[in-house]
Protein backbone atom coordinates (compact mmCIF):
# COMPACT_ATOMS: atom_id res chain seq x y z
CA UNK A 1 0.00 0.00 0.00
CA UNK A 2 1.55 3.30 -1.06
CA UNK A 3 1.47 6.40 1.10
CA UNK A 4 -0.19 9.51 -0.30
CA UNK A 5 2.00 12.35 -1.48
CA UNK A 6 2.43 15.48 0.59
CA UNK A 7 0.19 17.59 -1.67
CA UNK A 8 -2.82 15.27 -1.31
CA UNK A 9 -2.38 14.65 2.41
CA UNK A 10 -4.35 16.82 4.82
CA UNK A 11 -2.24 18.58 7.40
CA UNK A 12 -3.22 19.97 10.77
CA UNK A 13 -6.33 19.41 12.80
CA UNK A 14 -9.62 18.67 11.07
CA UNK A 15 -11.95 21.64 10.68
CA UNK A 16 -14.69 21.60 13.30
CA UNK A 17 -18.01 23.17 12.27
CA UNK A 18 -18.96 24.05 15.87
CA UNK A 19 -15.84 26.12 16.54
CA UNK A 20 -15.80 29.88 16.05
CA UNK A 21 -13.79 29.44 12.86
CA UNK A 22 -16.32 26.90 11.60
CA UNK A 23 -19.19 29.29 12.27
CA UNK A 24 -17.26 32.06 10.50
CA UNK A 25 -16.71 29.79 7.48
CA UNK A 26 -20.42 28.96 7.32
CA UNK A 27 -21.45 32.62 7.53
CA UNK A 28 -18.85 33.66 4.94
CA UNK A 29 -20.11 30.96 2.60
CA UNK A 30 -23.64 32.35 3.08
CA UNK A 31 -22.40 35.79 1.99
CA UNK A 32 -22.66 37.59 5.34
CA UNK A 33 -20.43 40.70 5.60
CA UNK A 34 -17.32 40.35 7.78
CA UNK A 35 -18.33 43.14 10.17
CA UNK A 36 -21.71 41.52 10.85
CA UNK A 37 -20.05 38.14 11.46
CA UNK A 38 -17.68 39.66 14.01
CA UNK A 39 -20.55 41.35 15.86
CA UNK A 40 -22.77 38.26 15.76
CA UNK A 41 -20.10 35.85 17.06
CA UNK A 42 -18.37 38.29 19.41
CA UNK A 43 -14.95 37.90 17.81
CA UNK A 44 -12.58 40.39 16.21
CA UNK A 45 -12.81 41.44 12.59
CA UNK A 46 -9.19 40.35 12.18
CA UNK A 47 -10.16 36.76 13.02
CA UNK A 48 -12.91 36.87 10.41
CA UNK A 49 -10.51 38.24 7.78
CA UNK A 50 -7.89 35.59 8.65
CA UNK A 51 -10.42 32.77 8.30
CA UNK A 52 -11.54 34.20 4.95
CA UNK A 53 -7.92 34.30 3.73
CA UNK A 54 -7.37 30.68 4.80
CA UNK A 55 -10.61 29.67 3.03
CA UNK A 56 -9.26 31.16 -0.20
CA UNK A 57 -6.12 29.05 -0.11
CA UNK A 58 -4.00 31.50 1.88
CA UNK A 59 -3.86 34.13 -0.84
CA UNK A 60 -4.33 37.69 0.33
CA UNK A 61 -6.40 39.75 -2.05
CA UNK A 62 -4.88 42.67 -3.89
CA UNK A 63 -1.81 43.16 -1.80
CA UNK A 64 1.69 42.78 -3.09
CA UNK A 65 4.89 42.05 -1.24
CA UNK A 66 5.68 45.75 -0.87
CA UNK A 67 7.43 48.35 -2.91
CA UNK A 68 8.23 47.15 -6.43
CA UNK A 69 11.87 46.68 -7.26
CA UNK A 70 13.70 49.38 -9.12
CA UNK A 71 14.39 48.65 -12.76
CA UNK A 72 18.12 48.71 -13.23
CA UNK A 73 19.69 48.61 -16.67
CA UNK A 74 22.09 45.69 -16.95
CA UNK A 75 25.74 46.71 -16.81
CA UNK A 76 26.47 44.70 -19.96
CA UNK A 77 24.24 47.05 -21.99
CA UNK A 78 26.68 49.91 -21.40
CA UNK A 79 29.67 48.02 -22.79
CA UNK A 80 31.22 49.90 -25.65
CA UNK A 81 29.86 52.45 -28.08
CA UNK A 82 26.98 50.22 -29.23
CA UNK A 83 25.61 50.06 -25.68
CA UNK A 84 25.77 53.83 -25.29
CA UNK A 85 24.03 54.39 -28.63
CA UNK A 86 21.33 51.91 -27.66
CA UNK A 87 20.72 53.68 -24.34
CA UNK A 88 20.46 57.05 -26.10
CA UNK A 89 17.92 55.63 -28.56
CA UNK A 90 15.85 54.22 -25.72
CA UNK A 91 15.92 57.50 -23.82
CA UNK A 92 14.88 59.42 -26.96
CA UNK A 93 11.97 57.02 -27.53
CA UNK A 94 10.91 57.45 -23.89
CA UNK A 95 11.17 61.25 -24.21
CA UNK A 96 9.00 61.20 -27.33
CA UNK A 97 6.42 59.00 -25.59
CA UNK A 98 6.26 61.29 -22.58
CA UNK A 99 6.07 64.38 -24.80
CA UNK A 100 3.09 62.86 -26.63
CA UNK A 101 1.33 62.13 -23.35
CA UNK A 102 1.94 65.69 -22.10
CA UNK A 103 0.62 67.12 -25.37
CA UNK A 104 -2.59 65.11 -25.01
CA UNK A 105 -2.99 66.22 -21.39
CA UNK A 106 -2.49 69.85 -22.37
CA UNK A 107 -5.16 69.55 -25.08
CA UNK A 108 -7.62 68.03 -22.60
CA UNK A 109 -6.92 70.81 -20.08
CA UNK A 110 -7.37 73.47 -22.77
CA UNK A 111 -10.76 71.97 -23.69
CA UNK A 112 -11.85 71.74 -20.05
CA UNK A 113 -10.85 75.32 -19.25
CA UNK A 114 -12.26 76.82 -22.45
């Protein structure tokens, strides 16, 4: 008889429907707002939010890990004259793109203020 793999094996204690977390899960599944659940069961809103996150597979909604990383040009791109010319072309293309956006914004402002 083979043992199940780690991904299919349940870990931790079984979920009990009579516990506070079980009641929260049932009310969340019914579509009750988190604030109302916390008031009804006498628990904190944070507990309700944590149970909801665990119900959704542990994924927090809409939040990233923090500040995005800075985009740094690779050092190899600056090697030699070809790298410098490439960087100048990219900066000119970026300048033209930004100039176009500013021109559109100025036209919209002119229309709004006219």
